């Protein structure tokens, strides 16, 4: 029967994936590629044209204001996060979190292959991207459907793990609520309400290619992204490249977000932020950047955290309602109820807006109210009732559907 053949072929492919997973190189061991170590300060200056000592906060702040980013040097434990032992513990913690995902993924993969009628359908994992090259079609190894709370793949071969804040050593200083980073956020945005909201790790696996140039957030998002190398990596492992002056309010703010710098038109060229162990890259929410390929056999993990004005939770890029890989039976649908008020002038108020979004600083350029969580109006524009959230005054599904039907009939 065709369906049986299909299930068999899928099972064979997934069993092959399990074997490939077990054969992946150990990120702790790396490969024989030379790691990036500066031979002299002059060489480092050529590689990192915008770098500052962590002790000079005003210099870092000036770099952020001028360029939209700054590279903070770590020399003799002078970086933000202290000694090599502290950095080693952080690297081990990030690798342990990744290994936990590996093990759970392999276990569910085995269940899927053995019990084809289980209904379990796993997407290709980003750490398999290079290993599956030539074994399956490009579409069959696309990792962008790997979308879980613990880790999501925004481009092929990459993984963003945003939930390390609850694990050691990230749940304590110097990684938790670093005072210098909080100060930088407050000074840059001219507020006193900045706080750390997210801690995670950005993995760039072997075989990952360029990402398109982009800005992470619209201009009304006020936050700093802080990225740190907790270990040394090969110089060509796939770093982040930035374009100077492209932050909101910067001299090159109006350049295109999604194409490479047009140096022929006078735009600033790309600056690749190569980080040594302990070095930190800080950039604004609107600074234009892109990731570079990883042609090595080393999985590169960079620690990251977000410091945001008013401790604004990242509902723009992070899949807060995605299902959990580690706890697949956990209900991750939105819990907040929608409330509508006639005094709010917003397209989102027809009929759905999350209560509280009328607070200051959350209106777009047309003075429309912007919800604190766009999941309240549904992913990709879906109506909230698709998520079991109803926006009638009584929060009653029947009354909501009745009023909606009545409106549709009036339109006809």
Protein backbone atom coordinates (compact mmCIF):
# COMPACT_ATOMS: atom_id res chain seq x y z
CA UNK A 1 0.00 0.00 0.00
CA UNK A 2 1.33 3.49 -0.80
CA UNK A 3 0.81 4.77 2.75
CA UNK A 4 2.76 1.85 4.22
CA UNK A 5 5.58 2.44 1.74
CA UNK A 6 5.58 6.10 2.65
CA UNK A 7 5.75 5.35 6.36
CA UNK A 8 8.54 2.84 5.76
CA UNK A 9 10.59 5.31 3.74
CA UNK A 10 10.10 8.00 6.38
CA UNK A 11 11.11 5.57 9.10
CA UNK A 12 14.25 4.60 7.19
CA UNK A 13 15.15 8.25 6.72
CA UNK A 14 14.59 9.03 10.40
CA UNK A 15 16.63 6.02 11.50
CA UNK A 16 19.38 7.31 9.27
CA UNK A 17 19.04 10.67 10.95
CA UNK A 18 19.50 9.00 14.35
CA UNK A 19 22.70 7.42 13.10
CA UNK A 20 23.86 10.73 11.70
CA UNK A 21 23.14 12.46 15.01
CA UNK A 22 25.30 9.97 16.85
CA UNK A 23 28.07 10.51 14.33
CA UNK A 24 28.10 14.29 14.64
CA UNK A 25 31.37 15.84 15.80
CA UNK A 26 31.59 16.63 19.49
CA UNK A 27 31.38 20.44 19.82
CA UNK A 28 33.56 20.18 22.92
CA UNK A 29 36.36 18.55 20.92
CA UNK A 30 36.06 20.71 17.80
CA UNK A 31 38.29 19.99 14.84
CA UNK A 32 41.84 20.70 13.83
CA UNK A 33 41.16 24.21 12.50
CA UNK A 34 43.35 26.83 14.17
CA UNK A 35 41.46 28.86 16.72
CA UNK A 36 41.56 32.62 16.50
CA UNK A 37 44.21 34.02 18.81
CA UNK A 38 45.58 37.49 18.16
CA UNK A 39 49.34 37.48 17.74
CA UNK A 40 49.53 41.18 18.55
CA UNK A 41 47.35 44.10 19.50
CA UNK A 42 47.92 45.57 16.03
CA UNK A 43 46.50 42.41 14.46
CA UNK A 44 43.51 42.56 16.79
CA UNK A 45 42.89 46.15 15.82
CA UNK A 46 42.76 45.15 12.17
CA UNK A 47 40.34 42.31 12.94
CA UNK A 48 38.23 44.30 15.38
CA UNK A 49 38.26 47.93 14.43
CA UNK A 50 35.67 48.90 17.05
CA UNK A 51 36.69 47.48 20.40
CA UNK A 52 36.76 48.87 23.89
CA UNK A 53 37.84 47.75 27.38
CA UNK A 54 34.92 46.64 29.54
CA UNK A 55 36.05 49.00 32.29
CA UNK A 56 35.36 52.08 30.16
CA UNK A 57 31.57 52.28 30.04
CA UNK A 58 31.52 55.77 28.57
CA UNK A 59 33.74 54.67 25.68
CA UNK A 60 31.45 51.73 24.96
CA UNK A 61 28.41 54.01 25.13
CA UNK A 62 30.04 56.42 22.68
CA UNK A 63 30.70 53.51 20.30
CA UNK A 64 27.07 52.43 20.51
CA UNK A 65 25.82 55.94 19.79
CA UNK A 66 28.18 56.44 16.87
CA UNK A 67 28.13 53.00 15.23
CA UNK A 68 25.09 51.18 16.62
CA UNK A 69 27.40 48.50 18.03
CA UNK A 70 30.59 48.05 20.02
CA UNK A 71 33.00 45.16 20.55
CA UNK A 72 34.16 44.93 24.15
CA UNK A 73 37.60 43.44 24.63
CA UNK A 74 38.42 40.83 27.24
CA UNK A 75 42.04 40.91 28.29
CA UNK A 76 43.33 39.16 31.42
CA UNK A 77 39.83 38.57 32.79
CA UNK A 78 38.90 42.21 32.18
CA UNK A 79 35.75 41.45 30.19
CA UNK A 80 32.20 41.70 31.52
CA UNK A 81 32.10 38.11 32.72
CA UNK A 82 35.37 37.70 34.54
CA UNK A 83 37.74 34.77 34.75
CA UNK A 84 38.32 31.93 32.32
CA UNK A 85 36.77 29.55 34.84
CA UNK A 86 33.55 31.59 34.82
CA UNK A 87 33.47 31.55 31.02
CA UNK A 88 34.24 27.81 30.94
CA UNK A 89 31.30 27.16 33.27
CA UNK A 90 29.01 29.18 31.01
CA UNK A 91 30.18 27.33 27.90
CA UNK A 92 29.62 24.01 29.64
CA UNK A 93 26.13 25.12 30.68
CA UNK A 94 25.21 26.07 27.12
CA UNK A 95 26.56 22.80 25.75
CA UNK A 96 24.68 20.85 28.40
CA UNK A 97 21.42 22.54 27.39
CA UNK A 98 22.10 21.68 23.75
CA UNK A 99 22.93 18.09 24.63
CA UNK A 100 19.61 17.83 26.48
CA UNK A 101 17.82 18.82 23.27
CA UNK A 102 19.92 16.30 21.32
CA UNK A 103 18.94 13.46 23.64
CA UNK A 104 15.23 14.29 23.68
CA UNK A 105 15.16 14.75 19.92
CA UNK A 106 16.86 11.38 19.39
CA UNK A 107 14.42 9.68 21.77
CA UNK A 108 11.39 11.12 19.98
CA UNK A 109 12.98 10.35 16.61
CA UNK A 110 13.30 6.71 17.63
CA UNK A 111 9.65 6.65 18.74
CA UNK A 112 8.58 8.17 15.43
CA UNK A 113 10.57 5.62 13.43
CA UNK A 114 9.45 2.61 15.47
CA UNK A 115 5.81 3.60 15.88
CA UNK A 116 4.81 5.14 12.57
CA UNK A 117 1.20 5.53 13.68
CA UNK A 118 2.11 7.55 16.76
CA UNK A 119 1.34 10.80 14.94
CA UNK A 120 4.75 12.18 15.90
CA UNK A 121 6.38 14.16 13.08
CA UNK A 122 9.69 15.78 13.89
CA UNK A 123 11.33 18.42 11.67
CA UNK A 124 15.01 18.04 10.74
CA UNK A 125 17.24 19.33 13.52
CA UNK A 126 19.63 22.20 12.71
CA UNK A 127 22.65 20.25 13.97
CA UNK A 128 21.95 17.67 11.24
CA UNK A 129 22.05 20.20 8.43
CA UNK A 130 25.55 19.49 7.09
CA UNK A 131 25.45 15.77 7.84
CA UNK A 132 22.33 15.31 5.70
CA UNK A 133 23.84 17.16 2.73
CA UNK A 134 23.82 14.80 -0.25
CA UNK A 135 21.78 12.16 1.59
CA UNK A 136 18.39 13.80 1.24
CA UNK A 137 16.93 16.63 -0.82
CA UNK A 138 17.42 20.24 0.24
CA UNK A 139 13.80 20.48 1.28
CA UNK A 140 14.05 17.36 3.43
CA UNK A 141 16.91 18.87 5.44
CA UNK A 142 15.40 22.35 5.82
CA UNK A 143 15.58 23.14 9.53
CA UNK A 144 13.33 26.20 9.74
CA UNK A 145 10.39 24.08 10.91
CA UNK A 146 12.39 23.25 14.05
CA UNK A 147 10.39 25.62 16.23
CA UNK A 148 10.22 24.85 19.94
CA UNK A 149 10.22 26.94 23.10
CA UNK A 150 13.66 25.64 24.07
CA UNK A 151 15.17 26.31 20.65
CA UNK A 152 14.11 27.51 17.22
CA UNK A 153 15.85 27.59 13.85
CA UNK A 154 15.36 30.90 12.08
CA UNK A 155 17.69 29.92 9.19
CA UNK A 156 19.06 26.56 8.05
CA UNK A 157 21.77 25.18 10.30
CA UNK A 158 21.24 27.66 13.13
CA UNK A 159 19.54 27.41 16.51
CA UNK A 160 18.48 30.11 18.96
CA UNK A 161 18.10 28.75 22.52
CA UNK A 162 16.47 31.56 24.56
CA UNK A 163 15.74 29.85 27.89
CA UNK A 164 19.12 29.54 29.61
CA UNK A 165 18.24 32.10 32.29
CA UNK A 166 16.87 29.44 34.60
CA UNK A 167 20.01 27.30 34.45
CA UNK A 168 23.33 27.60 36.26
CA UNK A 169 25.51 29.61 35.94
CA UNK A 170 23.23 32.03 34.07
CA UNK A 171 20.87 32.42 37.02
CA UNK A 172 23.45 34.32 39.07
CA UNK A 173 26.00 37.13 38.65
CA UNK A 174 27.91 38.00 36.56
CA UNK A 175 25.50 36.66 33.90
CA UNK A 176 22.27 37.67 35.63
CA UNK A 177 21.44 41.40 35.51
CA UNK A 178 24.93 42.74 34.93
CA UNK A 179 25.01 46.31 36.35
CA UNK A 180 27.25 47.70 33.59
CA UNK A 181 24.99 46.36 30.85
CA UNK A 182 21.91 47.70 32.60
CA UNK A 183 23.65 51.09 32.85
CA UNK A 184 24.52 51.05 29.14
CA UNK A 185 20.90 50.33 28.20
CA UNK A 186 19.60 53.10 30.47
CA UNK A 187 22.12 55.64 29.21
CA UNK A 188 21.69 54.77 25.56
CA UNK A 189 17.90 55.09 25.64
CA UNK A 190 17.77 57.88 28.23
CA UNK A 191 15.66 55.97 30.75
CA UNK A 192 16.02 54.34 34.16
CA UNK A 193 13.88 51.25 33.57
CA UNK A 194 16.14 48.84 31.65
CA UNK A 195 16.31 45.24 32.79
CA UNK A 196 17.56 41.93 31.47
CA UNK A 197 14.78 39.89 29.87
CA UNK A 198 16.40 36.98 28.01
CA UNK A 199 19.50 34.78 28.29
CA UNK A 200 20.38 32.17 25.72
CA UNK A 201 22.82 30.81 23.18
CA UNK A 202 23.06 31.28 19.41
CA UNK A 203 24.34 28.13 17.69
CA UNK A 204 25.81 28.24 14.21
CA UNK A 205 26.26 24.63 13.08
CA UNK A 206 28.56 23.26 10.36
CA UNK A 207 27.16 23.92 6.90
CA UNK A 208 25.16 27.01 7.87
CA UNK A 209 25.28 29.67 5.15
CA UNK A 210 24.92 33.43 5.04
CA UNK A 211 21.77 34.97 6.40
CA UNK A 212 20.20 37.92 4.68
CA UNK A 213 20.96 41.35 6.05
CA UNK A 214 18.29 42.45 8.49
CA UNK A 215 17.34 44.45 11.56
CA UNK A 216 16.00 42.43 14.47
CA UNK A 217 13.26 44.84 15.54
CA UNK A 218 11.28 47.91 14.39
CA UNK A 219 12.35 51.28 15.75
CA UNK A 220 9.82 51.35 18.60
CA UNK A 221 11.58 48.39 20.24
CA UNK A 222 14.21 49.77 22.61
CA UNK A 223 16.74 47.18 23.70
CA UNK A 224 20.37 46.08 23.49
CA UNK A 225 21.52 42.62 22.41
CA UNK A 226 24.67 41.40 24.17
CA UNK A 227 26.64 38.53 22.61
CA UNK A 228 29.67 36.90 24.25
CA UNK A 229 32.15 34.23 23.16
CA UNK A 230 32.74 31.96 26.17
CA UNK A 231 35.42 29.99 24.33
CA UNK A 232 37.79 30.40 21.40
CA UNK A 233 36.63 29.34 17.95
CA UNK A 234 38.20 29.14 14.49
CA UNK A 235 38.36 32.52 12.82
CA UNK A 236 36.09 31.30 9.98
CA UNK A 237 33.48 29.61 12.20
CA UNK A 238 30.76 32.07 11.19
CA UNK A 239 30.64 35.40 12.99
CA UNK A 240 28.20 38.29 12.87
CA UNK A 241 28.86 41.15 10.49
CA UNK A 242 27.52 44.62 11.19
CA UNK A 243 26.99 47.82 9.21
CA UNK A 244 27.98 50.95 11.08
CA UNK A 245 25.59 53.82 11.64
CA UNK A 246 22.44 51.92 10.62
CA UNK A 247 20.78 52.14 14.04
CA UNK A 248 17.62 54.21 14.50
CA UNK A 249 18.71 57.83 14.50
CA UNK A 250 22.10 56.96 13.00
CA UNK A 251 23.49 58.54 9.81
CA UNK A 252 22.67 55.43 7.76
CA UNK A 253 19.31 54.56 9.31
CA UNK A 254 17.49 54.92 5.98
CA UNK A 255 19.53 52.32 4.09
CA UNK A 256 17.75 49.13 3.03
CA UNK A 257 17.48 46.56 5.81
CA UNK A 258 17.70 43.45 3.64
CA UNK A 259 20.48 44.01 1.10
CA UNK A 260 24.25 44.07 1.51
CA UNK A 261 25.95 47.44 2.12
CA UNK A 262 26.13 49.48 -1.09
CA UNK A 263 29.65 50.73 -0.68
CA UNK A 264 29.59 52.06 -4.26
CA UNK A 265 27.04 54.59 -3.00
CA UNK A 266 29.14 55.57 -0.04
CA UNK A 267 27.53 53.27 2.54
CA UNK A 268 29.76 51.88 5.32
CA UNK A 269 31.22 48.46 4.51
CA UNK A 270 30.44 45.33 6.51
CA UNK A 271 32.38 44.89 9.74
CA UNK A 272 32.86 41.29 10.88
CA UNK A 273 32.90 41.04 14.67
CA UNK A 274 35.45 38.29 15.35
CA UNK A 275 35.31 37.52 19.06
CA UNK A 276 38.00 36.02 21.23
CA UNK A 277 37.17 34.18 24.44
CA UNK A 278 35.52 36.67 26.76
CA UNK A 279 34.91 39.32 24.10
CA UNK A 280 31.43 40.80 23.88
CA UNK A 281 29.51 42.35 20.99
CA UNK A 282 26.74 44.81 21.92
CA UNK A 283 24.33 46.21 19.35
CA UNK A 284 21.03 48.04 19.28
CA UNK A 285 17.64 46.66 18.35
CA UNK A 286 17.78 48.37 14.95
CA UNK A 287 21.41 47.97 13.86
CA UNK A 288 21.66 46.19 10.51
CA UNK A 289 23.58 42.90 10.57
CA UNK A 290 23.89 39.40 9.11
CA UNK A 291 25.39 36.04 10.03
CA UNK A 292 28.21 34.47 8.01
CA UNK A 293 28.67 30.83 6.91
CA UNK A 294 30.25 28.13 9.03
CA UNK A 295 32.38 25.95 6.72
CA UNK A 296 34.18 24.26 9.64
CA UNK A 297 33.24 21.11 11.53
CA UNK A 298 32.81 23.05 14.78
CA UNK A 299 29.44 23.97 16.29
CA UNK A 300 29.78 27.62 17.35
CA UNK A 301 27.72 28.78 20.32
CA UNK A 302 27.64 32.43 21.37
CA UNK A 303 25.98 33.42 24.63
CA UNK A 304 23.43 36.21 24.34
CA UNK A 305 21.23 38.30 26.56
CA UNK A 306 18.77 41.13 26.02
CA UNK A 307 18.47 44.31 28.09
CA UNK A 308 15.21 46.11 27.34
CA UNK A 309 13.54 49.36 28.33
CA UNK A 310 10.73 48.66 30.82
CA UNK A 311 11.89 45.01 30.81
CA UNK A 312 9.77 44.54 27.70
CA UNK A 313 9.43 40.85 26.96
CA UNK A 314 10.45 39.84 23.46
CA UNK A 315 7.17 38.89 21.79
CA UNK A 316 8.52 39.95 18.41
CA UNK A 317 11.13 37.29 17.62
CA UNK A 318 10.75 34.56 20.25
CA UNK A 319 8.18 31.75 19.91
CA UNK A 320 6.61 32.13 23.33
CA UNK A 321 3.69 29.89 22.44
CA UNK A 322 5.59 27.26 20.48
CA UNK A 323 5.30 23.75 21.83
CA UNK A 324 7.97 22.36 24.11
CA UNK A 325 10.39 19.70 22.85
CA UNK A 326 11.38 18.62 26.35
CA UNK A 327 7.77 18.63 27.64
CA UNK A 328 5.69 17.85 24.54
CA UNK A 329 2.42 17.50 26.48
CA UNK A 330 2.69 20.95 28.03
CA UNK A 331 0.01 23.42 26.94
CA UNK A 332 1.84 26.47 25.58
CA UNK A 333 -1.12 28.31 24.07
CA UNK A 334 -1.57 31.97 25.14
CA UNK A 335 -3.00 32.32 28.61
CA UNK A 336 -3.83 36.04 28.60
CA UNK A 337 -7.38 37.10 27.78
CA UNK A 338 -8.20 39.80 25.25
CA UNK A 339 -10.16 42.86 26.33
CA UNK A 340 -11.59 45.47 23.97
CA UNK A 341 -12.23 49.10 24.85
CA UNK A 342 -14.14 51.47 22.58
CA UNK A 343 -11.82 54.33 23.47
CA UNK A 344 -8.81 52.65 21.88
CA UNK A 345 -8.15 53.77 18.29
CA UNK A 346 -6.51 50.68 16.89
CA UNK A 347 -6.99 48.24 14.07
CA UNK A 348 -6.08 45.56 16.59
CA UNK A 349 -9.21 46.46 18.57
CA UNK A 350 -11.44 44.93 15.88
CA UNK A 351 -12.00 42.83 17.88
CA UNK A 352 -8.81 41.82 19.66
CA UNK A 353 -6.34 43.69 21.79
CA UNK A 354 -4.55 42.50 24.87
CA UNK A 355 -5.48 44.48 27.97
CA UNK A 356 -2.65 46.81 28.95
CA UNK A 357 -1.35 47.75 25.51
CA UNK A 358 -2.67 51.28 25.88
CA UNK A 359 0.27 52.11 28.16
CA UNK A 360 2.75 54.72 27.04
CA UNK A 361 5.47 53.92 24.55
CA UNK A 362 3.53 51.22 22.76
CA UNK A 363 1.89 53.10 19.92
CA UNK A 364 2.97 52.96 16.31
CA UNK A 365 3.58 55.90 13.99
CA UNK A 366 -0.17 56.33 13.33
CA UNK A 367 -0.97 56.45 17.06
CA UNK A 368 -2.53 53.01 16.90
CA UNK A 369 -2.16 50.88 19.99
CA UNK A 370 0.35 48.05 19.60
CA UNK A 371 -0.41 44.90 21.64
CA UNK A 372 2.19 43.82 24.18
CA UNK A 373 1.86 40.32 22.75
CA UNK A 374 0.99 39.84 19.11
CA UNK A 375 0.06 36.26 19.95
CA UNK A 376 -3.13 37.72 21.33
CA UNK A 377 -4.23 38.44 17.78
CA UNK A 378 -2.94 35.12 16.53
CA UNK A 379 0.15 33.93 14.76
CA UNK A 380 0.50 35.20 11.17
CA UNK A 381 -2.71 37.21 11.49
CA UNK A 382 -4.91 34.37 12.69
CA UNK A 383 -7.91 35.47 14.71
CA UNK A 384 -7.61 34.90 18.46
CA UNK A 385 -10.45 32.39 18.59
CA UNK A 386 -8.16 29.99 16.72
CA UNK A 387 -6.12 29.88 19.93
CA UNK A 388 -9.14 29.50 22.22
CA UNK A 389 -9.14 33.18 23.21
CA UNK A 390 -12.40 35.11 22.92
CA UNK A 391 -12.74 38.87 23.00
CA UNK A 392 -16.37 39.39 23.96
CA UNK A 393 -16.84 41.44 27.14
CA UNK A 394 -17.82 38.32 29.02
CA UNK A 395 -15.06 36.26 27.43
CA UNK A 396 -17.82 33.89 26.37
CA UNK A 397 -17.22 31.91 23.14
CA UNK A 398 -20.91 31.63 22.31
CA UNK A 399 -21.61 35.35 22.68
CA UNK A 400 -18.47 36.22 20.77
CA UNK A 401 -19.36 33.95 17.84
CA UNK A 402 -22.96 35.23 17.88
CA UNK A 403 -21.84 38.86 17.69
CA UNK A 404 -19.36 38.03 14.96
CA UNK A 405 -22.05 36.24 12.90
CA UNK A 406 -24.40 39.19 13.33
CA UNK A 407 -21.73 41.59 12.06
CA UNK A 408 -21.02 39.43 9.02
CA UNK A 409 -24.72 39.26 8.16
CA UNK A 410 -25.02 43.06 8.43
CA UNK A 411 -22.09 43.44 6.03
CA UNK A 412 -23.83 41.23 3.47
